[in-house]
Amino acid sequence: MANGNLASAFATLFDNSTHGEDSYLIRDLGDGHFLDAVMDGVTGHGGEEASRSVAEALEAATIRSPEDVISVLEEQNGDFFQVGGGRFLLTTASVALFLGGPLYVISAGDSPVFHIRGGEYQQLSGRIGGILRMGTAKAIGAGQDLILHRTEVNLAAGDRLVTASDGVTDNVNPAEIAQFVSNAESPESASEAIKQAIDDRLERGITPELLGGRFRHDDQTGIFRFFQA
């Protein structure tokens, strides 16, 4: 993919074997433009159906601006709340949208997005991993009015982007993710390195103290995108 002097390549990590409630979407919008999205359905609250529905709606929609993404998420929120009353059909959504200018990040709930440059990372959405949980207050479907977080960042060749569910960040902390991704030669090797770290910790049943010291069983989703000239 190329857009002016900026191109990108991506790889994914996807293990939905714990609850089956994560969904993700990668859309090539042409001219090097793209949409990456990760949805993490809330366990016990119709999360599988909710996350899949948001992915399908984002795939079907015409996306020409961040406002188009917001419209999709707000429409999904209204549908979910009407049916579930804030107790059922709940999911996070973190969307990274590139249309040739800045990278837009629009999120509901706690699924994290990281922008990595020169070994340093900036968290653009989501909570810090560990034992503290934000809960479902800001999930899609949780309230009549959807609470969205929106930010943007300028991209440059060499930048790297990670959009993930907390099944990844509950077991590999953000600094570790930044190190793995910065050291990787390709998106595929970044995905493989993080998956290997998660599997090693699963086998031992422990994680670093910063993350609570105990492995957290959850679905794992990550989209790793590398930018180059």
C-alpha atoms as a PDB file:
ATOM      1  CA  MET A   1       0.000   0.000   0.000  1.00  0.00           C
ATOM      2  CA  ALA A   2       1.300   3.447  -0.786  1.00  0.00           C
ATOM      3  CA  ASN A   3       0.067   6.948  -0.091  1.00  0.00           C
ATOM      4  CA  GLY A   4       2.447   9.641  -1.241  1.00  0.00           C
ATOM      5  CA  ASN A   5       5.689   8.759   0.513  1.00  0.00           C
ATOM      6  CA  LEU A   6       4.014   6.590   3.175  1.00  0.00           C
ATOM      7  CA  ALA A   7       3.179   2.916   2.875  1.00  0.00           C
ATOM      8  CA  SER A   8       2.211   0.292   5.430  1.00  0.00           C
ATOM      9  CA  ALA A   9       2.137  -3.429   5.977  1.00  0.00           C
ATOM     10  CA  PHE A  10       0.317  -5.356   8.679  1.00  0.00           C
ATOM     11  CA  ALA A  11      -0.011  -8.680  10.453  1.00  0.00           C
ATOM     12  CA  THR A  12      -2.502  -9.998  12.978  1.00  0.00           C
ATOM     13  CA  LEU A  13      -2.598 -12.024  16.158  1.00  0.00           C
ATOM     14  CA  PHE A  14      -5.966 -13.696  16.767  1.00  0.00           C
ATOM     15  CA  ASP A  15      -6.795 -16.353  19.355  1.00  0.00           C
ATOM     16  CA  ASN A  16     -10.507 -16.418  20.136  1.00  0.00           C
ATOM     17  CA  SER A  17     -10.474 -19.764  21.935  1.00  0.00           C
ATOM     18  CA  THR A  18     -11.195 -18.572  25.500  1.00  0.00           C
ATOM     19  CA  HIS A  19     -14.590 -16.862  25.145  1.00  0.00           C
ATOM     20  CA  GLY A  20     -15.012 -16.372  21.388  1.00  0.00           C
ATOM     21  CA  GLU A  21     -15.945 -12.720  21.915  1.00  0.00           C
ATOM     22  CA  ASP A  22     -13.204 -10.742  20.115  1.00  0.00           C
ATOM     23  CA  SER A  23     -13.680  -9.508  16.555  1.00  0.00           C
ATOM     24  CA  TYR A  24     -11.437  -7.467  14.294  1.00  0.00           C
ATOM     25  CA  LEU A  25     -11.594  -5.750  10.934  1.00  0.00           C
ATOM     26  CA  ILE A  26      -8.937  -4.552   8.496  1.00  0.00           C
ATOM     27  CA  ARG A  27     -10.222  -2.538   5.523  1.00  0.00           C
ATOM     28  CA  ASP A  28      -8.121  -1.365   2.603  1.00  0.00           C
ATOM     29  CA  LEU A  29      -9.784   1.922   1.631  1.00  0.00           C
ATOM     30  CA  GLY A  30      -7.545   2.481  -1.403  1.00  0.00           C
ATOM     31  CA  ASP A  31      -4.629   4.865  -2.004  1.00  0.00           C
ATOM     32  CA  GLY A  32      -2.865   3.564   1.094  1.00  0.00           C
ATOM     33  CA  HIS A  33      -5.810   4.474   3.304  1.00  0.00           C
ATOM     34  CA  PHE A  34      -7.075   1.934   5.827  1.00  0.00           C
ATOM     35  CA  LEU A  35      -9.307   1.186   8.776  1.00  0.00           C
ATOM     36  CA  ASP A  36      -8.141  -1.136  11.565  1.00  0.00           C
ATOM     37  CA  ALA A  37     -10.624  -2.061  14.291  1.00  0.00           C
ATOM     38  CA  VAL A  38     -10.637  -4.358  17.322  1.00  0.00           C
ATOM     39  CA  MET A  39     -13.806  -5.196  19.242  1.00  0.00           C
ATOM     40  CA  ASP A  40     -13.772  -7.041  22.586  1.00  0.00           C
ATOM     41  CA  GLY A  41     -17.227  -8.289  23.559  1.00  0.00           C
ATOM     42  CA  VAL A  42     -18.127  -8.205  27.249  1.00  0.00           C
ATOM     43  CA  THR A  43     -18.248 -11.737  28.660  1.00  0.00           C
ATOM     44  CA  GLY A  44     -21.680 -12.808  29.841  1.00  0.00           C
ATOM     45  CA  HIS A  45     -23.363  -9.833  28.178  1.00  0.00           C
ATOM     46  CA  GLY A  46     -23.861 -10.952  24.573  1.00  0.00           C
ATOM     47  CA  GLY A  47     -20.339  -9.921  23.726  1.00  0.00           C
ATOM     48  CA  GLU A  48     -19.814 -12.292  20.821  1.00  0.00           C
ATOM     49  CA  GLU A  49     -22.872 -11.038  18.946  1.00  0.00           C
ATOM     50  CA  ALA A  50     -22.111  -7.406  19.770  1.00  0.00           C
ATOM     51  CA  SER A  51     -18.473  -7.445  18.656  1.00  0.00           C
ATOM     52  CA  ARG A  52     -19.333  -9.265  15.439  1.00  0.00           C
ATOM     53  CA  SER A  53     -22.164  -6.832  14.678  1.00  0.00           C
ATOM     54  CA  VAL A  54     -19.884  -3.798  15.028  1.00  0.00           C
ATOM     55  CA  ALA A  55     -17.264  -5.394  12.765  1.00  0.00           C
ATOM     56  CA  GLU A  56     -19.894  -6.127  10.124  1.00  0.00           C
ATOM     57  CA  ALA A  57     -21.326  -2.601  10.321  1.00  0.00           C
ATOM     58  CA  LEU A  58     -17.883  -1.011   9.921  1.00  0.00           C
ATOM     59  CA  GLU A  59     -17.150  -3.299   6.986  1.00  0.00           C
ATOM     60  CA  ALA A  60     -20.397  -2.402   5.202  1.00  0.00           C
ATOM     61  CA  ALA A  61     -20.311   1.359   5.789  1.00  0.00           C
ATOM     62  CA  THR A  62     -18.973   3.996   3.440  1.00  0.00           C
ATOM     63  CA  ILE A  63     -16.023   5.488   5.318  1.00  0.00           C
ATOM     64  CA  ARG A  64     -14.738   8.855   4.109  1.00  0.00           C
ATOM     65  CA  SER A  65     -14.151  10.614   7.433  1.00  0.00           C
ATOM     66  CA  PRO A  66     -13.897   9.984  11.189  1.00  0.00           C
ATOM     67  CA  GLU A  67     -17.495  11.174  11.441  1.00  0.00           C
ATOM     68  CA  ASP A  68     -18.563   8.183   9.345  1.00  0.00           C
ATOM     69  CA  VAL A  69     -16.979   5.865  11.923  1.00  0.00           C
ATOM     70  CA  ILE A  70     -18.677   7.737  14.758  1.00  0.00           C
ATOM     71  CA  SER A  71     -22.038   7.426  13.003  1.00  0.00           C
ATOM     72  CA  VAL A  72     -21.639   3.656  12.708  1.00  0.00           C
ATOM     73  CA  LEU A  73     -20.697   3.264  16.364  1.00  0.00           C
ATOM     74  CA  GLU A  74     -23.541   5.503  17.536  1.00  0.00           C
ATOM     75  CA  GLU A  75     -26.055   3.586  15.428  1.00  0.00           C
ATOM     76  CA  GLN A  76     -24.812   0.283  16.816  1.00  0.00           C
ATOM     77  CA  ASN A  77     -25.003   1.689  20.345  1.00  0.00           C
ATOM     78  CA  GLY A  78     -28.615   2.725  19.819  1.00  0.00           C
ATOM     79  CA  ASP A  79     -29.565  -0.685  18.467  1.00  0.00           C
ATOM     80  CA  PHE A  80     -27.803  -2.530  21.293  1.00  0.00           C
ATOM     81  CA  PHE A  81     -29.242  -0.326  24.031  1.00  0.00           C
ATOM     82  CA  GLN A  82     -32.760  -0.640  22.655  1.00  0.00           C
ATOM     83  CA  VAL A  83     -32.540  -4.431  22.769  1.00  0.00           C
ATOM     84  CA  GLY A  84     -30.289  -4.965  25.789  1.00  0.00           C
ATOM     85  CA  GLY A  85     -31.130  -2.004  27.994  1.00  0.00           C
ATOM     86  CA  GLY A  86     -27.482  -1.459  28.893  1.00  0.00           C
ATOM     87  CA  ARG A  87     -27.099  -4.971  30.309  1.00  0.00           C
ATOM     88  CA  PHE A  88     -26.794  -7.074  27.144  1.00  0.00           C
ATOM     89  CA  LEU A  89     -25.063  -6.655  23.767  1.00  0.00           C
ATOM     90  CA  LEU A  90     -21.961  -4.906  25.077  1.00  0.00           C
ATOM     91  CA  THR A  91     -18.593  -4.539  23.361  1.00  0.00           C
ATOM     92  CA  THR A  92     -15.587  -2.277  23.155  1.00  0.00           C
ATOM     93  CA  ALA A  93     -14.422  -0.860  19.836  1.00  0.00           C
ATOM     94  CA  SER A  94     -11.123   0.797  18.988  1.00  0.00           C
ATOM     95  CA  VAL A  95     -10.811   2.068  15.431  1.00  0.00           C
ATOM     96  CA  ALA A  96      -7.682   3.442  13.743  1.00  0.00           C
ATOM     97  CA  LEU A  97      -8.493   5.319  10.537  1.00  0.00           C
ATOM     98  CA  PHE A  98      -5.947   6.667   8.046  1.00  0.00           C
ATOM     99  CA  LEU A  99      -7.155   8.778   5.129  1.00  0.00           C
ATOM    100  CA  GLY A 100      -3.875  10.352   4.057  1.00  0.00           C
ATOM    101  CA  GLY A 101      -3.586  13.012   6.754  1.00  0.00           C
ATOM    102  CA  PRO A 102      -3.318  12.317  10.482  1.00  0.00           C
ATOM    103  CA  LEU A 103      -4.190   8.950  11.947  1.00  0.00           C
ATOM    104  CA  TYR A 104      -7.567   9.151  13.680  1.00  0.00           C
ATOM    105  CA  VAL A 105      -8.304   6.902  16.659  1.00  0.00           C
ATOM    106  CA  ILE A 106     -11.897   6.563  17.845  1.00  0.00           C
ATOM    107  CA  SER A 107     -12.704   4.266  20.738  1.00  0.00           C
ATOM    108  CA  ALA A 108     -15.430   3.109  23.087  1.00  0.00           C
ATOM    109  CA  GLY A 109     -14.339   1.034  26.054  1.00  0.00           C
ATOM    110  CA  ASP A 110     -10.879  -0.102  27.025  1.00  0.00           C
ATOM    111  CA  SER A 111      -9.273  -1.806  24.009  1.00  0.00           C
ATOM    112  CA  PRO A 112      -5.826  -0.188  23.658  1.00  0.00           C
ATOM    113  CA  VAL A 113      -4.127   1.447  20.683  1.00  0.00           C
ATOM    114  CA  PHE A 114      -0.393   2.215  20.766  1.00  0.00           C
ATOM    115  CA  HIS A 115       1.634   4.484  18.483  1.00  0.00           C
ATOM    116  CA  ILE A 116       5.314   3.495  18.604  1.00  0.00           C
ATOM    117  CA  ARG A 117       8.185   5.642  17.348  1.00  0.00           C
ATOM    118  CA  GLY A 118      11.888   5.215  18.043  1.00  0.00           C
ATOM    119  CA  GLY A 119      11.277   2.654  20.757  1.00  0.00           C
ATOM    120  CA  GLU A 120       8.927   4.965  22.677  1.00  0.00           C
ATOM    121  CA  TYR A 121       5.182   4.478  22.795  1.00  0.00           C
ATOM    122  CA  GLN A 122       2.130   6.674  23.155  1.00  0.00           C
ATOM    123  CA  GLN A 123      -1.117   5.046  24.264  1.00  0.00           C
ATOM    124  CA  LEU A 124      -3.940   6.497  22.182  1.00  0.00           C
ATOM    125  CA  SER A 125      -6.846   4.625  23.766  1.00  0.00           C
ATOM    126  CA  GLY A 126      -7.699   2.086  26.438  1.00  0.00           C
ATOM    127  CA  ARG A 127      -6.599   1.536  30.003  1.00  0.00           C
ATOM    128  CA  ILE A 128      -3.250   0.419  31.323  1.00  0.00           C
ATOM    129  CA  GLY A 129      -3.038  -3.355  31.676  1.00  0.00           C
ATOM    130  CA  GLY A 130      -3.177  -5.004  35.073  1.00  0.00           C
ATOM    131  CA  ILE A 131      -5.752  -5.803  37.701  1.00  0.00           C
ATOM    132  CA  LEU A 132      -7.672  -2.516  37.559  1.00  0.00           C
ATOM    133  CA  ARG A 133     -10.629  -2.688  35.209  1.00  0.00           C
ATOM    134  CA  MET A 134     -12.660   0.174  33.839  1.00  0.00           C
ATOM    135  CA  GLY A 135     -15.749  -2.040  33.629  1.00  0.00           C
ATOM    136  CA  THR A 136     -18.428  -1.700  30.985  1.00  0.00           C
ATOM    137  CA  ALA A 137     -19.587   1.886  31.613  1.00  0.00           C
ATOM    138  CA  LYS A 138     -18.160   3.136  28.307  1.00  0.00           C
ATOM    139  CA  ALA A 139     -18.790   0.048  26.197  1.00  0.00           C
ATOM    140  CA  ILE A 140     -21.007   0.220  23.129  1.00  0.00           C
ATOM    141  CA  GLY A 141     -24.524  -0.687  24.268  1.00  0.00           C
ATOM    142  CA  ALA A 142     -23.996   0.309  27.899  1.00  0.00           C
ATOM    143  CA  GLY A 143     -25.880   3.606  27.798  1.00  0.00           C
ATOM    144  CA  GLN A 144     -28.348   5.565  25.747  1.00  0.00           C
ATOM    145  CA  ASP A 145     -25.623   8.090  24.892  1.00  0.00           C
ATOM    146  CA  LEU A 146     -22.367   6.623  23.620  1.00  0.00           C
ATOM    147  CA  ILE A 147     -19.193   7.967  25.220  1.00  0.00           C
ATOM    148  CA  LEU A 148     -16.379   8.019  22.649  1.00  0.00           C
ATOM    149  CA  HIS A 149     -12.724   8.927  22.993  1.00  0.00           C
ATOM    150  CA  ARG A 150     -11.198  10.532  19.914  1.00  0.00           C
ATOM    151  CA  THR A 151      -7.632  11.556  19.202  1.00  0.00           C
ATOM    152  CA  GLU A 152      -5.272  11.904  16.267  1.00  0.00           C
ATOM    153  CA  VAL A 153      -1.554  11.659  15.618  1.00  0.00           C
ATOM    154  CA  ASN A 154       0.695  12.478  12.676  1.00  0.00           C
ATOM    155  CA  LEU A 155       2.483   9.500  11.140  1.00  0.00           C
ATOM    156  CA  ALA A 156       5.997   9.176   9.732  1.00  0.00           C
ATOM    157  CA  ALA A 157       8.010   6.447   8.067  1.00  0.00           C
ATOM    158  CA  GLY A 158       9.283   4.042  10.717  1.00  0.00           C
ATOM    159  CA  ASP A 159       6.234   4.448  12.944  1.00  0.00           C
ATOM    160  CA  ARG A 160       4.405   1.365  14.179  1.00  0.00           C
ATOM    161  CA  LEU A 161       0.810   0.965  15.300  1.00  0.00           C
ATOM    162  CA  VAL A 162      -0.726  -1.691  17.543  1.00  0.00           C
ATOM    163  CA  THR A 163      -4.493  -2.061  17.961  1.00  0.00           C
ATOM    164  CA  ALA A 164      -5.342  -4.792  20.460  1.00  0.00           C
ATOM    165  CA  SER A 165      -7.736  -6.321  22.947  1.00  0.00           C
ATOM    166  CA  ASP A 166      -6.892  -6.510  26.634  1.00  0.00           C
ATOM    167  CA  GLY A 167      -6.235 -10.241  26.341  1.00  0.00           C
ATOM    168  CA  VAL A 168      -2.894  -9.069  24.945  1.00  0.00           C
ATOM    169  CA  THR A 169      -2.172  -6.148  27.272  1.00  0.00           C
ATOM    170  CA  ASP A 170      -3.274  -7.974  30.427  1.00  0.00           C
ATOM    171  CA  ASN A 171      -0.366 -10.358  29.861  1.00  0.00           C
ATOM    172  CA  VAL A 172       2.256  -8.231  28.064  1.00  0.00           C
ATOM    173  CA  ASN A 173       2.631  -4.698  29.370  1.00  0.00           C
ATOM    174  CA  PRO A 174       2.800  -1.644  27.076  1.00  0.00           C
ATOM    175  CA  ALA A 175       6.548  -1.127  27.508  1.00  0.00           C
ATOM    176  CA  GLU A 176       7.157  -4.764  26.568  1.00  0.00           C
ATOM    177  CA  ILE A 177       4.859  -4.442  23.564  1.00  0.00           C
ATOM    178  CA  ALA A 178       6.778  -1.360  22.430  1.00  0.00           C
ATOM    179  CA  GLN A 179      10.073  -3.214  22.802  1.00  0.00           C
ATOM    180  CA  PHE A 180       8.898  -6.313  20.923  1.00  0.00           C
ATOM    181  CA  VAL A 181       7.403  -4.229  18.125  1.00  0.00           C
ATOM    182  CA  SER A 182      10.378  -1.862  17.873  1.00  0.00           C
ATOM    183  CA  ASN A 183      12.835  -4.754  17.664  1.00  0.00           C
ATOM    184  CA  ALA A 184      10.824  -6.665  15.060  1.00  0.00           C
ATOM    185  CA  GLU A 185      11.862  -6.564  11.421  1.00  0.00           C
ATOM    186  CA  SER A 186       8.310  -7.051  10.174  1.00  0.00           C
ATOM    187  CA  PRO A 187       4.712  -6.987  11.425  1.00  0.00           C
ATOM    188  CA  GLU A 188       4.693 -10.783  11.257  1.00  0.00           C
ATOM    189  CA  SER A 189       7.714 -11.113  13.524  1.00  0.00           C
ATOM    190  CA  ALA A 190       6.189  -8.605  15.982  1.00  0.00           C
ATOM    191  CA  SER A 191       3.000 -10.640  16.153  1.00  0.00           C
ATOM    192  CA  GLU A 192       4.948 -13.867  16.590  1.00  0.00           C
ATOM    193  CA  ALA A 193       7.129 -12.424  19.374  1.00  0.00           C
ATOM    194  CA  ILE A 194       4.168 -11.187  21.387  1.00  0.00           C
ATOM    195  CA  LYS A 195       2.233 -14.415  20.875  1.00  0.00           C
ATOM    196  CA  GLN A 196       5.280 -16.374  22.062  1.00  0.00           C
ATOM    197  CA  ALA A 197       5.523 -14.202  25.186  1.00  0.00           C
ATOM    198  CA  ILE A 198       1.835 -14.771  25.947  1.00  0.00           C
ATOM    199  CA  ASP A 199       2.143 -18.529  25.412  1.00  0.00           C
ATOM    200  CA  ASP A 200       5.231 -18.728  27.635  1.00  0.00           C
ATOM    201  CA  ARG A 201       3.407 -16.929  30.425  1.00  0.00           C
ATOM    202  CA  LEU A 202       0.339 -19.111  29.984  1.00  0.00           C
ATOM    203  CA  GLU A 203       2.506 -22.204  30.390  1.00  0.00           C
ATOM    204  CA  ARG A 204       3.995 -20.800  33.605  1.00  0.00           C
ATOM    205  CA  GLY A 205       0.723 -19.271  34.763  1.00  0.00           C
ATOM    206  CA  ILE A 206       2.368 -15.983  35.722  1.00  0.00           C
ATOM    207  CA  THR A 207       2.987 -12.498  34.356  1.00  0.00           C
ATOM    208  CA  PRO A 208       5.218  -9.644  35.556  1.00  0.00           C
ATOM    209  CA  GLU A 209       4.213  -8.033  38.859  1.00  0.00           C
ATOM    210  CA  LEU A 210       3.210  -4.876  37.016  1.00  0.00           C
ATOM    211  CA  LEU A 211       0.391  -6.885  35.453  1.00  0.00           C
ATOM    212  CA  GLY A 212      -0.748  -8.541  38.666  1.00  0.00           C
ATOM    213  CA  GLY A 213       1.576 -11.538  38.679  1.00  0.00           C
ATOM    214  CA  ARG A 214      -1.034 -14.005  37.446  1.00  0.00           C
ATOM    215  CA  PHE A 215      -1.891 -14.952  33.870  1.00  0.00           C
ATOM    216  CA  ARG A 216      -5.289 -13.661  32.748  1.00  0.00           C
ATOM    217  CA  HIS A 217      -7.192 -15.992  30.440  1.00  0.00           C
ATOM    218  CA  ASP A 218      -8.950 -14.070  27.680  1.00  0.00           C
ATOM    219  CA  ASP A 219      -9.288 -13.870  23.928  1.00  0.00           C
ATOM    220  CA  GLN A 220      -6.269 -12.238  22.275  1.00  0.00           C
ATOM    221  CA  THR A 221      -6.389  -9.945  19.268  1.00  0.00           C
ATOM    222  CA  GLY A 222      -3.760  -7.620  17.844  1.00  0.00           C
ATOM    223  CA  ILE A 223      -3.239  -5.743  14.584  1.00  0.00           C
ATOM    224  CA  PHE A 224       0.394  -4.743  13.998  1.00  0.00           C
ATOM    225  CA  ARG A 225       0.975  -2.141  11.292  1.00  0.00           C
ATOM    226  CA  PHE A 226       4.394  -0.867  10.184  1.00  0.00           C
ATOM    227  CA  PHE A 227       4.827   2.333   8.161  1.00  0.00           C
ATOM    228  CA  GLN A 228       7.616   2.956   5.689  1.00  0.00           C
ATOM    229  CA  ALA A 229       8.555   5.451   2.999  1.00  0.00           C
END
